[in-house]
Amino acid sequence: VLWGGVTDGAEPLRRLYTAIEAKLLDLGLYVKEERDYTPHL
């Protein structure tokens, strides 16, 4: 997979990811990844 790194905006993107992940985990529709989320495109 080829990706572009997120420089500006990485922290709000992490927060958004964490908020969405929590909601999907509550629904039972997501399995938590073992590795940490790395903001990228």
Full PDB file with SEQRES, HELIX, SHEET, SSBOND, CRYST1, ORIGX, SCALE, CONECT and MASTER records, all heavy atoms in Angstrom:
SEQRES   1 A   41  VAL LEU TRP GLY GLY VAL THR ASP GLY ALA GLU PRO LEU          
SEQRES   2 A   41  ARG ARG LEU TYR THR ALA ILE GLU ALA LYS LEU LEU ASP          
SEQRES   3 A   41  LEU GLY LEU TYR VAL LYS GLU GLU ARG ASP TYR THR PRO          
SEQRES   4 A   41  HIS LEU                                                      
HELIX    1 AA1 ALA A   10  LEU A   27  1                                  18    
CRYST1    1.000    1.000    1.000  90.00  90.00  90.00 P 1           1          
ORIGX1      1.000000  0.000000  0.000000        0.00000                         
ORIGX2      0.000000  1.000000  0.000000        0.00000                         
ORIGX3      0.000000  0.000000  1.000000        0.00000                         
SCALE1      1.000000  0.000000  0.000000        0.00000                         
SCALE2      0.000000  1.000000  0.000000        0.00000                         
SCALE3      0.000000  0.000000  1.000000        0.00000                         
ATOM      1  N   VAL A   1       0.854  -1.182   0.000  1.00  0.00           N  
ATOM      2  CA  VAL A   1       0.000   0.000   0.000  1.00  0.00           C  
ATOM      3  C   VAL A   1       0.891   1.233   0.000  1.00  0.00           C  
ATOM      4  O   VAL A   1       1.813   1.340   0.813  1.00  0.00           O  
ATOM      5  CB  VAL A   1      -0.920   0.024   1.249  1.00  0.00           C  
ATOM      6  CG1 VAL A   1      -1.711   1.310   1.316  1.00  0.00           C  
ATOM      7  CG2 VAL A   1      -1.843  -1.181   1.261  1.00  0.00           C  
ATOM      8  N   LEU A   2       0.641   2.154  -0.907  1.00  0.00           N  
ATOM      9  CA  LEU A   2       1.366   3.420  -0.980  1.00  0.00           C  
ATOM     10  C   LEU A   2       0.534   4.474  -0.265  1.00  0.00           C  
ATOM     11  O   LEU A   2      -0.671   4.582  -0.502  1.00  0.00           O  
ATOM     12  CB  LEU A   2       1.567   3.817  -2.445  1.00  0.00           C  
ATOM     13  CG  LEU A   2       2.330   5.100  -2.717  1.00  0.00           C  
ATOM     14  CD1 LEU A   2       3.787   4.952  -2.286  1.00  0.00           C  
ATOM     15  CD2 LEU A   2       2.248   5.460  -4.187  1.00  0.00           C  
ATOM     16  N   TRP A   3       1.161   5.219   0.650  1.00  0.00           N  
ATOM     17  CA  TRP A   3       0.425   6.220   1.408  1.00  0.00           C  
ATOM     18  C   TRP A   3       1.156   7.553   1.447  1.00  0.00           C  
ATOM     19  O   TRP A   3       2.365   7.626   1.306  1.00  0.00           O  
ATOM     20  CB  TRP A   3       0.146   5.750   2.833  1.00  0.00           C  
ATOM     21  CG  TRP A   3       1.342   5.278   3.621  1.00  0.00           C  
ATOM     22  CD1 TRP A   3       1.735   3.994   3.798  1.00  0.00           C  
ATOM     23  CD2 TRP A   3       2.283   6.077   4.331  1.00  0.00           C  
ATOM     24  NE1 TRP A   3       2.864   3.941   4.581  1.00  0.00           N  
ATOM     25  CE2 TRP A   3       3.222   5.210   4.918  1.00  0.00           C  
ATOM     26  CE3 TRP A   3       2.438   7.450   4.528  1.00  0.00           C  
ATOM     27  CZ2 TRP A   3       4.294   5.668   5.686  1.00  0.00           C  
ATOM     28  CZ3 TRP A   3       3.511   7.899   5.288  1.00  0.00           C  
ATOM     29  CH2 TRP A   3       4.416   7.004   5.862  1.00  0.00           C  
ATOM     30  N   GLY A   4       0.363   8.622   1.639  1.00  0.00           N  
ATOM     31  CA  GLY A   4       0.885   9.957   1.895  1.00  0.00           C  
ATOM     32  C   GLY A   4       0.744  10.235   3.376  1.00  0.00           C  
ATOM     33  O   GLY A   4      -0.278   9.906   3.990  1.00  0.00           O  
ATOM     34  N   GLY A   5       1.764  10.819   3.970  1.00  0.00           N  
ATOM     35  CA  GLY A   5       1.739  11.103   5.405  1.00  0.00           C  
ATOM     36  C   GLY A   5       0.903  12.322   5.726  1.00  0.00           C  
ATOM     37  O   GLY A   5       0.899  13.295   4.981  1.00  0.00           O  
ATOM     38  N   VAL A   6       0.192  12.260   6.827  1.00  0.00           N  
ATOM     39  CA  VAL A   6      -0.582  13.418   7.299  1.00  0.00           C  
ATOM     40  C   VAL A   6       0.312  14.175   8.271  1.00  0.00           C  
ATOM     41  O   VAL A   6       0.743  13.625   9.281  1.00  0.00           O  
ATOM     42  CB  VAL A   6      -1.885  12.979   7.989  1.00  0.00           C  
ATOM     43  CG1 VAL A   6      -2.573  14.167   8.645  1.00  0.00           C  
ATOM     44  CG2 VAL A   6      -2.807  12.318   6.980  1.00  0.00           C  
ATOM     45  N   THR A   7       0.619  15.417   7.934  1.00  0.00           N  
ATOM     46  CA  THR A   7       1.441  16.234   8.820  1.00  0.00           C  
ATOM     47  C   THR A   7       0.499  17.138   9.612  1.00  0.00           C  
ATOM     48  O   THR A   7       0.104  16.789  10.712  1.00  0.00           O  
ATOM     49  CB  THR A   7       2.503  17.009   8.014  1.00  0.00           C  
ATOM     50  OG1 THR A   7       1.882  17.693   6.925  1.00  0.00           O  
ATOM     51  CG2 THR A   7       3.546  16.058   7.454  1.00  0.00           C  
ATOM     52  N   ASP A   8       0.070  18.269   9.055  1.00  0.00           N  
ATOM     53  CA  ASP A   8      -0.900  19.126   9.737  1.00  0.00           C  
ATOM     54  C   ASP A   8      -2.232  18.388   9.794  1.00  0.00           C  
ATOM     55  O   ASP A   8      -2.681  17.826   8.799  1.00  0.00           O  
ATOM     56  CB  ASP A   8      -1.099  20.440   8.980  1.00  0.00           C  
ATOM     57  CG  ASP A   8       0.185  21.234   8.819  1.00  0.00           C  
ATOM     58  OD1 ASP A   8       1.193  20.864   9.436  1.00  0.00           O  
ATOM     59  OD2 ASP A   8       0.167  22.214   8.057  1.00  0.00           O  
ATOM     60  N   GLY A   9      -2.852  18.387  10.968  1.00  0.00           N  
ATOM     61  CA  GLY A   9      -4.159  17.758  11.111  1.00  0.00           C  
ATOM     62  C   GLY A   9      -4.115  16.349  11.665  1.00  0.00           C  
ATOM     63  O   GLY A   9      -5.155  15.715  11.828  1.00  0.00           O  
ATOM     64  N   ALA A  10      -2.932  15.844  11.966  1.00  0.00           N  
ATOM     65  CA  ALA A  10      -2.827  14.466  12.460  1.00  0.00           C  
ATOM     66  C   ALA A  10      -3.557  14.287  13.795  1.00  0.00           C  
ATOM     67  O   ALA A  10      -4.240  13.273  13.993  1.00  0.00           O  
ATOM     68  CB  ALA A  10      -1.364  14.051  12.586  1.00  0.00           C  
ATOM     69  N   GLU A  11      -3.443  15.261  14.691  1.00  0.00           N  
ATOM     70  CA  GLU A  11      -4.063  15.093  16.010  1.00  0.00           C  
ATOM     71  C   GLU A  11      -5.588  15.113  15.948  1.00  0.00           C  
ATOM     72  O   GLU A  11      -6.239  14.231  16.526  1.00  0.00           O  
ATOM     73  CB  GLU A  11      -3.526  16.138  16.999  1.00  0.00           C  
ATOM     74  CG  GLU A  11      -3.799  15.772  18.435  1.00  0.00           C  
ATOM     75  CD  GLU A  11      -3.390  14.334  18.803  1.00  0.00           C  
ATOM     76  OE1 GLU A  11      -2.305  13.875  18.430  1.00  0.00           O  
ATOM     77  OE2 GLU A  11      -4.217  13.660  19.468  1.00  0.00           O  
ATOM     78  N   PRO A  12      -6.214  16.075  15.255  1.00  0.00           N  
ATOM     79  CA  PRO A  12      -7.677  16.004  15.152  1.00  0.00           C  
ATOM     80  C   PRO A  12      -8.151  14.745  14.421  1.00  0.00           C  
ATOM     81  O   PRO A  12      -9.195  14.183  14.746  1.00  0.00           O  
ATOM     82  CB  PRO A  12      -8.077  17.256  14.379  1.00  0.00           C  
ATOM     83  CG  PRO A  12      -6.861  18.040  14.151  1.00  0.00           C  
ATOM     84  CD  PRO A  12      -5.683  17.311  14.682  1.00  0.00           C  
ATOM     85  N   LEU A  13      -7.367  14.264  13.467  1.00  0.00           N  
ATOM     86  CA  LEU A  13      -7.728  13.038  12.766  1.00  0.00           C  
ATOM     87  C   LEU A  13      -7.669  11.837  13.709  1.00  0.00           C  
ATOM     88  O   LEU A  13      -8.545  10.973  13.678  1.00  0.00           O  
ATOM     89  CB  LEU A  13      -6.800  12.833  11.564  1.00  0.00           C  
ATOM     90  CG  LEU A  13      -7.262  11.857  10.498  1.00  0.00           C  
ATOM     91  CD1 LEU A  13      -8.645  12.194   9.968  1.00  0.00           C  
ATOM     92  CD2 LEU A  13      -6.252  11.831   9.360  1.00  0.00           C  
ATOM     93  N   ARG A  14      -6.670  11.812  14.582  1.00  0.00           N  
ATOM     94  CA  ARG A  14      -6.596  10.739  15.598  1.00  0.00           C  
ATOM     95  C   ARG A  14      -7.800  10.785  16.540  1.00  0.00           C  
ATOM     96  O   ARG A  14      -8.371   9.754  16.881  1.00  0.00           O  
ATOM     97  CB  ARG A  14      -5.308  10.863  16.417  1.00  0.00           C  
ATOM     98  CG  ARG A  14      -4.117  10.217  15.810  1.00  0.00           C  
ATOM     99  CD  ARG A  14      -2.947  10.178  16.818  1.00  0.00           C  
ATOM    100  NE  ARG A  14      -1.714   9.968  16.107  1.00  0.00           N  
ATOM    101  CZ  ARG A  14      -0.907  10.917  15.657  1.00  0.00           C  
ATOM    102  NH1 ARG A  14      -1.186  12.188  15.872  1.00  0.00           N  
ATOM    103  NH2 ARG A  14       0.193  10.616  15.000  1.00  0.00           N  
ATOM    104  N   ARG A  15      -8.167  11.993  16.969  1.00  0.00           N  
ATOM    105  CA  ARG A  15      -9.328  12.121  17.859  1.00  0.00           C  
ATOM    106  C   ARG A  15     -10.599  11.639  17.172  1.00  0.00           C  
ATOM    107  O   ARG A  15     -11.423  10.935  17.768  1.00  0.00           O  
ATOM    108  CB  ARG A  15      -9.505  13.576  18.316  1.00  0.00           C  
ATOM    109  CG  ARG A  15      -8.490  14.044  19.333  1.00  0.00           C  
ATOM    110  CD  ARG A  15      -8.898  15.367  19.970  1.00  0.00           C  
ATOM    111  NE  ARG A  15      -9.176  16.433  19.022  1.00  0.00           N  
ATOM    112  CZ  ARG A  15      -8.291  17.342  18.619  1.00  0.00           C  
ATOM    113  NH1 ARG A  15      -7.038  17.314  19.066  1.00  0.00           N  
ATOM    114  NH2 ARG A  15      -8.645  18.281  17.768  1.00  0.00           N  
ATOM    115  N   LEU A  16     -10.755  12.011  15.912  1.00  0.00           N  
ATOM    116  CA  LEU A  16     -11.929  11.602  15.149  1.00  0.00           C  
ATOM    117  C   LEU A  16     -11.958  10.079  14.991  1.00  0.00           C  
ATOM    118  O   LEU A  16     -12.991   9.439  15.189  1.00  0.00           O  
ATOM    119  CB  LEU A  16     -11.913  12.289  13.787  1.00  0.00           C  
ATOM    120  CG  LEU A  16     -13.137  12.188  12.922  1.00  0.00           C  
ATOM    121  CD1 LEU A  16     -14.381  12.653  13.650  1.00  0.00           C  
ATOM    122  CD2 LEU A  16     -12.934  12.993  11.644  1.00  0.00           C  
ATOM    123  N   TYR A  17     -10.816   9.497  14.673  1.00  0.00           N  
ATOM    124  CA  TYR A  17     -10.709   8.041  14.564  1.00  0.00           C  
ATOM    125  C   TYR A  17     -11.106   7.367  15.880  1.00  0.00           C  
ATOM    126  O   TYR A  17     -11.894   6.414  15.892  1.00  0.00           O  
ATOM    127  CB  TYR A  17      -9.275   7.652  14.185  1.00  0.00           C  
ATOM    128  CG  TYR A  17      -9.038   6.167  14.233  1.00  0.00           C  
ATOM    129  CD1 TYR A  17      -9.323   5.378  13.122  1.00  0.00           C  
ATOM    130  CD2 TYR A  17      -8.550   5.545  15.373  1.00  0.00           C  
ATOM    131  CE1 TYR A  17      -9.120   4.005  13.163  1.00  0.00           C  
ATOM    132  CE2 TYR A  17      -8.345   4.186  15.422  1.00  0.00           C  
ATOM    133  CZ  TYR A  17      -8.627   3.414  14.308  1.00  0.00           C  
ATOM    134  OH  TYR A  17      -8.430   2.060  14.359  1.00  0.00           O  
ATOM    135  N   THR A  18     -10.574   7.882  16.983  1.00  0.00           N  
ATOM    136  CA  THR A  18     -10.856   7.300  18.299  1.00  0.00           C  
ATOM    137  C   THR A  18     -12.348   7.393  18.626  1.00  0.00           C  
ATOM    138  O   THR A  18     -12.940   6.442  19.147  1.00  0.00           O  
ATOM    139  CB  THR A  18     -10.013   8.000  19.377  1.00  0.00           C  
ATOM    140  OG1 THR A  18      -8.631   7.811  19.056  1.00  0.00           O  
ATOM    141  CG2 THR A  18     -10.288   7.439  20.761  1.00  0.00           C  
ATOM    142  N   ALA A  19     -12.974   8.528  18.307  1.00  0.00           N  
ATOM    143  CA  ALA A  19     -14.403   8.704  18.579  1.00  0.00           C  
ATOM    144  C   ALA A  19     -15.252   7.749  17.737  1.00  0.00           C  
ATOM    145  O   ALA A  19     -16.190   7.130  18.239  1.00  0.00           O  
ATOM    146  CB  ALA A  19     -14.820  10.151  18.325  1.00  0.00           C  
ATOM    147  N   ILE A  20     -14.910   7.609  16.462  1.00  0.00           N  
ATOM    148  CA  ILE A  20     -15.659   6.689  15.586  1.00  0.00           C  
ATOM    149  C   ILE A  20     -15.434   5.249  16.020  1.00  0.00           C  
ATOM    150  O   ILE A  20     -16.387   4.465  16.108  1.00  0.00           O  
ATOM    151  CB  ILE A  20     -15.262   6.898  14.106  1.00  0.00           C  
ATOM    152  CG1 ILE A  20     -15.749   8.265  13.619  1.00  0.00           C  
ATOM    153  CG2 ILE A  20     -15.826   5.775  13.231  1.00  0.00           C  
ATOM    154  CD1 ILE A  20     -15.230   8.670  12.253  1.00  0.00           C  
ATOM    155  N   GLU A  21     -14.189   4.907  16.331  1.00  0.00           N  
ATOM    156  CA  GLU A  21     -13.874   3.552  16.772  1.00  0.00           C  
ATOM    157  C   GLU A  21     -14.699   3.179  18.014  1.00  0.00           C  
ATOM    158  O   GLU A  21     -15.282   2.091  18.082  1.00  0.00           O  
ATOM    159  CB  GLU A  21     -12.382   3.425  17.073  1.00  0.00           C  
ATOM    160  CG  GLU A  21     -11.985   2.048  17.570  1.00  0.00           C  
ATOM    161  CD  GLU A  21     -10.522   1.987  17.965  1.00  0.00           C  
ATOM    162  OE1 GLU A  21     -10.093   2.817  18.800  1.00  0.00           O  
ATOM    163  OE2 GLU A  21      -9.823   1.105  17.452  1.00  0.00           O  
ATOM    164  N   ALA A  22     -14.769   4.078  18.981  1.00  0.00           N  
ATOM    165  CA  ALA A  22     -15.514   3.803  20.214  1.00  0.00           C  
ATOM    166  C   ALA A  22     -16.985   3.547  19.921  1.00  0.00           C  
ATOM    167  O   ALA A  22     -17.592   2.612  20.480  1.00  0.00           O  
ATOM    168  CB  ALA A  22     -15.358   4.972  21.198  1.00  0.00           C  
ATOM    169  N   LYS A  23     -17.573   4.352  19.040  1.00  0.00           N  
ATOM    170  CA  LYS A  23     -18.992   4.179  18.697  1.00  0.00           C  
ATOM    171  C   LYS A  23     -19.223   2.837  17.994  1.00  0.00           C  
ATOM    172  O   LYS A  23     -20.207   2.149  18.276  1.00  0.00           O  
ATOM    173  CB  LYS A  23     -19.472   5.313  17.786  1.00  0.00           C  
ATOM    174  CG  LYS A  23     -19.354   6.692  18.379  1.00  0.00           C  
ATOM    175  CD  LYS A  23     -20.502   6.997  19.276  1.00  0.00           C  
ATOM    176  CE  LYS A  23     -20.420   8.434  19.753  1.00  0.00           C  
ATOM    177  NZ  LYS A  23     -21.142   8.633  20.988  1.00  0.00           N  
ATOM    178  N   LEU A  24     -18.326   2.461  17.085  1.00  0.00           N  
ATOM    179  CA  LEU A  24     -18.489   1.198  16.358  1.00  0.00           C  
ATOM    180  C   LEU A  24     -18.233  -0.006  17.261  1.00  0.00           C  
ATOM    181  O   LEU A  24     -18.882  -1.044  17.113  1.00  0.00           O  
ATOM    182  CB  LEU A  24     -17.582   1.169  15.131  1.00  0.00           C  
ATOM    183  CG  LEU A  24     -17.899   2.219  14.061  1.00  0.00           C  
ATOM    184  CD1 LEU A  24     -16.936   2.086  12.885  1.00  0.00           C  
ATOM    185  CD2 LEU A  24     -19.342   2.138  13.593  1.00  0.00           C  
ATOM    186  N   LEU A  25     -17.291   0.133  18.202  1.00  0.00           N  
ATOM    187  CA  LEU A  25     -17.069  -0.941  19.176  1.00  0.00           C  
ATOM    188  C   LEU A  25     -18.317  -1.145  20.029  1.00  0.00           C  
ATOM    189  O   LEU A  25     -18.713  -2.287  20.299  1.00  0.00           O  
ATOM    190  CB  LEU A  25     -15.861  -0.630  20.058  1.00  0.00           C  
ATOM    191  CG  LEU A  25     -14.491  -0.801  19.416  1.00  0.00           C  
ATOM    192  CD1 LEU A  25     -13.402  -0.182  20.291  1.00  0.00           C  
ATOM    193  CD2 LEU A  25     -14.188  -2.263  19.142  1.00  0.00           C  
ATOM    194  N   ASP A  26     -18.954  -0.044  20.453  1.00  0.00           N  
ATOM    195  CA  ASP A  26     -20.178  -0.133  21.246  1.00  0.00           C  
ATOM    196  C   ASP A  26     -21.289  -0.869  20.485  1.00  0.00           C  
ATOM    197  O   ASP A  26     -22.094  -1.575  21.090  1.00  0.00           O  
ATOM    198  CB  ASP A  26     -20.686   1.264  21.645  1.00  0.00           C  
ATOM    199  CG  ASP A  26     -19.833   1.920  22.715  1.00  0.00           C  
ATOM    200  OD1 ASP A  26     -18.998   1.233  23.340  1.00  0.00           O  
ATOM    201  OD2 ASP A  26     -19.995   3.142  22.912  1.00  0.00           O  
ATOM    202  N   LEU A  27     -21.313  -0.692  19.163  1.00  0.00           N  
ATOM    203  CA  LEU A  27     -22.323  -1.358  18.339  1.00  0.00           C  
ATOM    204  C   LEU A  27     -21.971  -2.815  18.050  1.00  0.00           C  
ATOM    205  O   LEU A  27     -22.786  -3.556  17.500  1.00  0.00           O  
ATOM    206  CB  LEU A  27     -22.488  -0.616  17.003  1.00  0.00           C  
ATOM    207  CG  LEU A  27     -23.151   0.749  17.051  1.00  0.00           C  
ATOM    208  CD1 LEU A  27     -23.063   1.424  15.688  1.00  0.00           C  
ATOM    209  CD2 LEU A  27     -24.602   0.616  17.482  1.00  0.00           C  
ATOM    210  N   GLY A  28     -20.719  -3.198  18.353  1.00  0.00           N  
ATOM    211  CA  GLY A  28     -20.274  -4.549  18.033  1.00  0.00           C  
ATOM    212  C   GLY A  28     -19.987  -4.737  16.555  1.00  0.00           C  
ATOM    213  O   GLY A  28     -19.992  -5.853  16.041  1.00  0.00           O  
ATOM    214  N   LEU A  29     -19.713  -3.629  15.864  1.00  0.00           N  
ATOM    215  CA  LEU A  29     -19.501  -3.673  14.413  1.00  0.00           C  
ATOM    216  C   LEU A  29     -18.047  -3.480  14.012  1.00  0.00           C  
ATOM    217  O   LEU A  29     -17.757  -3.248  12.848  1.00  0.00           O  
ATOM    218  CB  LEU A  29     -20.346  -2.583  13.740  1.00  0.00           C  
ATOM    219  CG  LEU A  29     -21.845  -2.717  13.929  1.00  0.00           C  
ATOM    220  CD1 LEU A  29     -22.563  -1.505  13.351  1.00  0.00           C  
ATOM    221  CD2 LEU A  29     -22.343  -3.997  13.268  1.00  0.00           C  
ATOM    222  N   TYR A  30     -17.157  -3.565  14.972  1.00  0.00           N  
ATOM    223  CA  TYR A  30     -15.755  -3.276  14.696  1.00  0.00           C  
ATOM    224  C   TYR A  30     -14.901  -4.098  15.641  1.00  0.00           C  
ATOM    225  O   TYR A  30     -15.265  -4.301  16.789  1.00  0.00           O  
ATOM    226  CB  TYR A  30     -15.500  -1.774  14.914  1.00  0.00           C  
ATOM    227  CG  TYR A  30     -14.105  -1.315  14.610  1.00  0.00           C  
ATOM    228  CD1 TYR A  30     -13.679  -1.131  13.300  1.00  0.00           C  
ATOM    229  CD2 TYR A  30     -13.198  -1.052  15.636  1.00  0.00           C  
ATOM    230  CE1 TYR A  30     -12.396  -0.701  13.018  1.00  0.00           C  
ATOM    231  CE2 TYR A  30     -11.914  -0.615  15.362  1.00  0.00           C  
ATOM    232  CZ  TYR A  30     -11.523  -0.447  14.051  1.00  0.00           C  
ATOM    233  OH  TYR A  30     -10.253  -0.026  13.770  1.00  0.00           O  
ATOM    234  N   VAL A  31     -13.798  -4.570  15.141  1.00  0.00           N  
ATOM    235  CA  VAL A  31     -12.825  -5.280  15.966  1.00  0.00           C  
ATOM    236  C   VAL A  31     -11.613  -4.374  16.100  1.00  0.00           C  
ATOM    237  O   VAL A  31     -11.058  -3.922  15.091  1.00  0.00           O  
ATOM    238  CB  VAL A  31     -12.422  -6.626  15.325  1.00  0.00           C  
ATOM    239  CG1 VAL A  31     -11.354  -7.306  16.153  1.00  0.00           C  
ATOM    240  CG2 VAL A  31     -13.641  -7.522  15.170  1.00  0.00           C  
ATOM    241  N   LYS A  32     -11.216  -4.080  17.321  1.00  0.00           N  
ATOM    242  CA  LYS A  32     -10.093  -3.169  17.574  1.00  0.00           C  
ATOM    243  C   LYS A  32      -8.808  -3.724  16.979  1.00  0.00           C  
ATOM    244  O   LYS A  32      -8.502  -4.904  17.109  1.00  0.00           O  
ATOM    245  CB  LYS A  32      -9.922  -2.948  19.071  1.00  0.00           C  
ATOM    246  CG  LYS A  32      -8.939  -1.848  19.409  1.00  0.00           C  
ATOM    247  CD  LYS A  32      -9.105  -1.440  20.861  1.00  0.00           C  
ATOM    248  CE  LYS A  32      -8.154  -0.346  21.244  1.00  0.00           C  
ATOM    249  NZ  LYS A  32      -8.330   0.902  20.557  1.00  0.00           N  
ATOM    250  N   GLU A  33      -8.072  -2.860  16.306  1.00  0.00           N  
ATOM    251  CA  GLU A  33      -6.786  -3.229  15.715  1.00  0.00           C  
ATOM    252  C   GLU A  33      -5.744  -3.380  16.818  1.00  0.00           C  
ATOM    253  O   GLU A  33      -5.786  -2.665  17.815  1.00  0.00           O  
ATOM    254  CB  GLU A  33      -6.322  -2.140  14.742  1.00  0.00           C  
ATOM    255  CG  GLU A  33      -7.246  -1.924  13.581  1.00  0.00           C  
ATOM    256  CD  GLU A  33      -6.703  -2.496  12.288  1.00  0.00           C  
ATOM    257  OE1 GLU A  33      -5.544  -2.915  12.256  1.00  0.00           O  
ATOM    258  OE2 GLU A  33      -7.470  -2.505  11.321  1.00  0.00           O  
ATOM    259  N   GLU A  34      -4.809  -4.278  16.620  1.00  0.00           N  
ATOM    260  CA  GLU A  34      -3.720  -4.439  17.593  1.00  0.00           C  
ATOM    261  C   GLU A  34      -2.727  -3.291  17.487  1.00  0.00           C  
ATOM    262  O   GLU A  34      -2.170  -2.855  18.479  1.00  0.00           O  
ATOM    263  CB  GLU A  34      -3.004  -5.770  17.371  1.00  0.00           C  
ATOM    264  CG  GLU A  34      -3.836  -6.959  17.804  1.00  0.00           C  
ATOM    265  CD  GLU A  34      -3.082  -8.263  17.678  1.00  0.00           C  
ATOM    266  OE1 GLU A  34      -1.831  -8.253  17.756  1.00  0.00           O  
ATOM    267  OE2 GLU A  34      -3.740  -9.293  17.505  1.00  0.00           O  
ATOM    268  N   ARG A  35      -2.495  -2.814  16.279  1.00  0.00           N  
ATOM    269  CA  ARG A  35      -1.531  -1.717  16.100  1.00  0.00           C  
ATOM    270  C   ARG A  35      -2.237  -0.380  16.258  1.00  0.00           C  
ATOM    271  O   ARG A  35      -3.447  -0.268  16.072  1.00  0.00           O  
ATOM    272  CB  ARG A  35      -0.859  -1.823  14.734  1.00  0.00           C  
ATOM    273  CG  ARG A  35      -1.823  -1.720  13.589  1.00  0.00           C  
ATOM    274  CD  ARG A  35      -1.121  -1.896  12.251  1.00  0.00           C  
ATOM    275  NE  ARG A  35      -2.084  -1.752  11.195  1.00  0.00           N  
ATOM    276  CZ  ARG A  35      -2.509  -2.736  10.428  1.00  0.00           C  
ATOM    277  NH1 ARG A  35      -2.045  -3.952  10.594  1.00  0.00           N  
ATOM    278  NH2 ARG A  35      -3.388  -2.520   9.484  1.00  0.00           N  
ATOM    279  N   ASP A  36      -1.456   0.632  16.610  1.00  0.00           N  
ATOM    280  CA  ASP A  36      -1.996   1.974  16.770  1.00  0.00           C  
ATOM    281  C   ASP A  36      -2.382   2.552  15.408  1.00  0.00           C  
ATOM    282  O   ASP A  36      -1.795   2.217  14.383  1.00  0.00           O  
ATOM    283  CB  ASP A  36      -0.960   2.888  17.428  1.00  0.00           C  
ATOM    284  CG  ASP A  36      -0.757   2.573  18.898  1.00  0.00           C  
ATOM    285  OD1 ASP A  36      -1.668   1.983  19.511  1.00  0.00           O  
ATOM    286  OD2 ASP A  36       0.316   2.904  19.426  1.00  0.00           O  
ATOM    287  N   TYR A  37      -3.346   3.452  15.425  1.00  0.00           N  
ATOM    288  CA  TYR A  37      -3.765   4.148  14.209  1.00  0.00           C  
ATOM    289  C   TYR A  37      -2.685   5.143  13.806  1.00  0.00           C  
ATOM    290  O   TYR A  37      -2.203   5.926  14.629  1.00  0.00           O  
ATOM    291  CB  TYR A  37      -5.087   4.870  14.476  1.00  0.00           C  
ATOM    292  CG  TYR A  37      -5.503   5.787  13.355  1.00  0.00           C  
ATOM    293  CD1 TYR A  37      -5.874   5.275  12.117  1.00  0.00           C  
ATOM    294  CD2 TYR A  37      -5.511   7.160  13.534  1.00  0.00           C  
ATOM    295  CE1 TYR A  37      -6.252   6.115  11.087  1.00  0.00           C  
ATOM    296  CE2 TYR A  37      -5.897   8.008  12.511  1.00  0.00           C  
ATOM    297  CZ  TYR A  37      -6.263   7.478  11.290  1.00  0.00           C  
ATOM    298  OH  TYR A  37      -6.632   8.316  10.279  1.00  0.00           O  
ATOM    299  N   THR A  38      -2.331   5.141  12.542  1.00  0.00           N  
ATOM    300  CA  THR A  38      -1.374   6.087  11.988  1.00  0.00           C  
ATOM    301  C   THR A  38      -2.092   6.912  10.926  1.00  0.00           C  
ATOM    302  O   THR A  38      -2.483   6.367   9.885  1.00  0.00           O  
ATOM    303  CB  THR A  38      -0.174   5.355  11.341  1.00  0.00           C  
ATOM    304  OG1 THR A  38       0.445   4.534  12.323  1.00  0.00           O  
ATOM    305  CG2 THR A  38       0.833   6.344  10.776  1.00  0.00           C  
ATOM    306  N   PRO A  39      -2.312   8.214  11.167  1.00  0.00           N  
ATOM    307  CA  PRO A  39      -2.991   9.036  10.161  1.00  0.00           C  
ATOM    308  C   PRO A  39      -2.229   9.027   8.838  1.00  0.00           C  
ATOM    309  O   PRO A  39      -1.021   9.263   8.797  1.00  0.00           O  
ATOM    310  CB  PRO A  39      -2.985  10.430  10.779  1.00  0.00           C  
ATOM    311  CG  PRO A  39      -2.870  10.200  12.248  1.00  0.00           C  
ATOM    312  CD  PRO A  39      -1.999   8.982  12.378  1.00  0.00           C  
ATOM    313  N   HIS A  40      -2.940   8.708   7.767  1.00  0.00           N  
ATOM    314  CA  HIS A  40      -2.342   8.659   6.431  1.00  0.00           C  
ATOM    315  C   HIS A  40      -3.447   8.738   5.389  1.00  0.00           C  
ATOM    316  O   HIS A  40      -4.618   8.588   5.702  1.00  0.00           O  
ATOM    317  CB  HIS A  40      -1.541   7.364   6.237  1.00  0.00           C  
ATOM    318  CG  HIS A  40      -2.393   6.137   6.178  1.00  0.00           C  
ATOM    319  ND1 HIS A  40      -2.921   5.546   7.318  1.00  0.00           N  
ATOM    320  CD2 HIS A  40      -2.843   5.417   5.135  1.00  0.00           C  
ATOM    321  CE1 HIS A  40      -3.641   4.500   6.969  1.00  0.00           C  
ATOM    322  NE2 HIS A  40      -3.623   4.403   5.640  1.00  0.00           N  
ATOM    323  N   LEU A  41      -3.051   8.963   4.156  1.00  0.00           N  
ATOM    324  CA  LEU A  41      -3.963   8.958   3.027  1.00  0.00           C  
ATOM    325  C   LEU A  41      -3.502   7.854   2.090  1.00  0.00           C  
ATOM    326  O   LEU A  41      -2.377   7.906   1.581  1.00  0.00           O  
ATOM    327  CB  LEU A  41      -3.934  10.315   2.311  1.00  0.00           C  
ATOM    328  CG  LEU A  41      -4.772  10.437   1.053  1.00  0.00           C  
ATOM    329  CD1 LEU A  41      -6.253  10.358   1.403  1.00  0.00           C  
ATOM    330  CD2 LEU A  41      -4.472  11.739   0.345  1.00  0.00           C  
TER     331      LEU A  41                                                      
MASTER        0    0    0    1    0    0    0    6  330    1    0    4          
END                                                                             
